């Protein structure tokens, strides 16, 4: 009697098996402590730049579109605030400008305490 040969899968199955092993090994990434430190540094740098840009002082003079976005009001409401004197403005060459500090003061002046 001869020595028994191990069963070998047909060529098509064997190549599929090898392909799946290659796919699996390419999908696995090992993260090192150094990788995590690098990621942390990049993340903190990005967050610092985001907060730095967010904390830039606003412009002194704002146009109507900027004020509408800031206060989340319609064009008609902004016009009413101008007409009734709630918001002071300056008009130069058909463009209306609002003083940012005055808008802040107006908001603080009209602040109401919440009822309990």
Protein backbone atom coordinates (compact mmCIF):
# COMPACT_ATOMS: atom_id res chain seq x y z
CA UNK A 1 0.00 0.00 0.00
CA UNK A 2 1.11 3.51 -0.75
CA UNK A 3 1.25 6.54 1.48
CA UNK A 4 -2.03 8.45 1.53
CA UNK A 5 -1.80 11.84 -0.09
CA UNK A 6 -3.59 14.74 1.65
CA UNK A 7 -6.67 15.89 -0.15
CA UNK A 8 -6.10 18.99 -2.21
CA UNK A 9 -8.98 21.24 -3.16
CA UNK A 10 -9.59 21.77 -6.82
CA UNK A 11 -7.60 24.63 -8.34
CA UNK A 12 -10.59 26.97 -8.53
CA UNK A 13 -11.37 26.59 -4.82
CA UNK A 14 -7.72 26.90 -3.84
CA UNK A 15 -7.26 30.17 -5.71
CA UNK A 16 -10.46 31.57 -4.14
CA UNK A 17 -9.09 30.59 -0.73
CA UNK A 18 -5.76 32.33 -1.43
CA UNK A 19 -7.59 35.45 -2.67
CA UNK A 20 -9.68 35.60 0.51
CA UNK A 21 -6.50 35.30 2.62
CA UNK A 22 -4.89 38.16 0.66
CA UNK A 23 -8.01 40.30 1.13
CA UNK A 24 -8.09 39.57 4.85
CA UNK A 25 -4.45 40.43 5.37
CA UNK A 26 -4.83 43.70 3.45
CA UNK A 27 -7.86 44.69 5.54
CA UNK A 28 -6.04 44.30 8.87
CA UNK A 29 -4.07 47.30 10.12
CA UNK A 30 -2.11 47.26 13.34
CA UNK A 31 -2.08 50.53 15.25
CA UNK A 32 0.92 51.30 17.37
CA UNK A 33 1.20 53.70 20.27
CA UNK A 34 3.19 55.96 17.97
CA UNK A 35 0.31 55.95 15.45
CA UNK A 36 -2.15 56.96 18.18
CA UNK A 37 0.17 59.73 19.42
CA UNK A 38 0.48 61.07 15.87
CA UNK A 39 -3.32 60.98 15.46
CA UNK A 40 -3.76 62.80 18.78
CA UNK A 41 -1.33 65.52 17.74
CA UNK A 42 -3.08 66.04 14.40
CA UNK A 43 -6.50 66.11 16.07
CA UNK A 44 -5.42 68.70 18.66
CA UNK A 45 -3.82 70.85 15.96
CA UNK A 46 -7.00 70.80 13.92
CA UNK A 47 -9.18 71.58 16.93
CA UNK A 48 -6.92 74.49 17.91
CA UNK A 49 -7.20 75.97 14.43
CA UNK A 50 -11.00 75.61 14.49
CA UNK A 51 -11.31 77.34 17.86
CA UNK A 52 -8.78 80.00 16.88
CA UNK A 53 -10.84 80.88 13.79
CA UNK A 54 -14.08 80.83 15.79
CA UNK A 55 -12.72 83.24 18.39
CA UNK A 56 -11.66 85.92 15.92
CA UNK A 57 -13.31 89.22 16.81
CA UNK A 58 -16.28 90.08 14.62
CA UNK A 59 -16.18 92.98 12.21
CA UNK A 60 -17.02 96.42 13.57
CA UNK A 61 -19.63 97.10 10.89
CA UNK A 62 -22.04 94.48 9.58
CA UNK A 63 -24.20 94.58 6.46
CA UNK A 64 -27.90 93.73 6.53
CA UNK A 65 -27.38 90.15 5.34
CA UNK A 66 -24.91 89.49 8.14
CA UNK A 67 -27.24 90.97 10.75
CA UNK A 68 -30.18 88.91 9.47
CA UNK A 69 -28.09 85.74 9.84
CA UNK A 70 -26.75 86.79 13.23
CA UNK A 71 -30.18 87.57 14.69
CA UNK A 72 -32.03 84.99 12.58
CA UNK A 73 -34.63 87.50 11.46
CA UNK A 74 -36.36 88.21 8.17
CA UNK A 75 -35.71 91.31 6.06
CA UNK A 76 -39.03 92.77 7.24
CA UNK A 77 -38.17 92.28 10.90
CA UNK A 78 -34.78 93.92 10.40
CA UNK A 79 -36.50 96.86 8.71
CA UNK A 80 -38.93 97.15 11.64
CA UNK A 81 -36.02 97.14 14.11
CA UNK A 82 -34.49 100.03 12.12
CA UNK A 83 -37.74 102.00 11.83
CA UNK A 84 -38.71 101.75 15.51
CA UNK A 85 -35.17 102.71 16.59
CA UNK A 86 -34.25 99.39 18.20
CA UNK A 87 -31.17 99.07 15.98
CA UNK A 88 -29.08 102.06 15.00
CA UNK A 89 -27.62 102.04 11.52
CA UNK A 90 -25.57 103.98 9.03
CA UNK A 91 -26.40 104.19 5.35
CA UNK A 92 -23.66 104.87 2.84
CA UNK A 93 -24.34 104.73 -0.88
CA UNK A 94 -27.45 102.62 -0.49
CA UNK A 95 -25.77 100.06 1.77
CA UNK A 96 -26.95 99.86 5.38
CA UNK A 97 -24.36 99.09 8.06
CA UNK A 98 -24.93 98.14 11.69
CA UNK A 99 -22.47 98.51 14.57
CA UNK A 100 -21.79 95.06 16.02
CA UNK A 101 -21.19 96.44 19.54
CA UNK A 102 -24.51 98.27 19.45
CA UNK A 103 -26.29 95.05 18.44
CA UNK A 104 -24.69 93.27 21.41
CA UNK A 105 -25.66 96.06 23.81
CA UNK A 106 -29.23 96.04 22.48
CA UNK A 107 -29.44 92.28 23.01
CA UNK A 108 -28.14 92.61 26.59
CA UNK A 109 -30.45 95.56 27.34
CA UNK A 110 -33.48 93.54 26.22
CA UNK A 111 -32.46 90.40 28.13
CA UNK A 112 -35.33 89.12 30.27
CA UNK A 113 -35.05 86.81 33.26
CA UNK A 114 -36.73 83.43 32.90
CA UNK A 115 -39.86 82.90 34.99
CA UNK A 116 -39.71 80.11 37.55
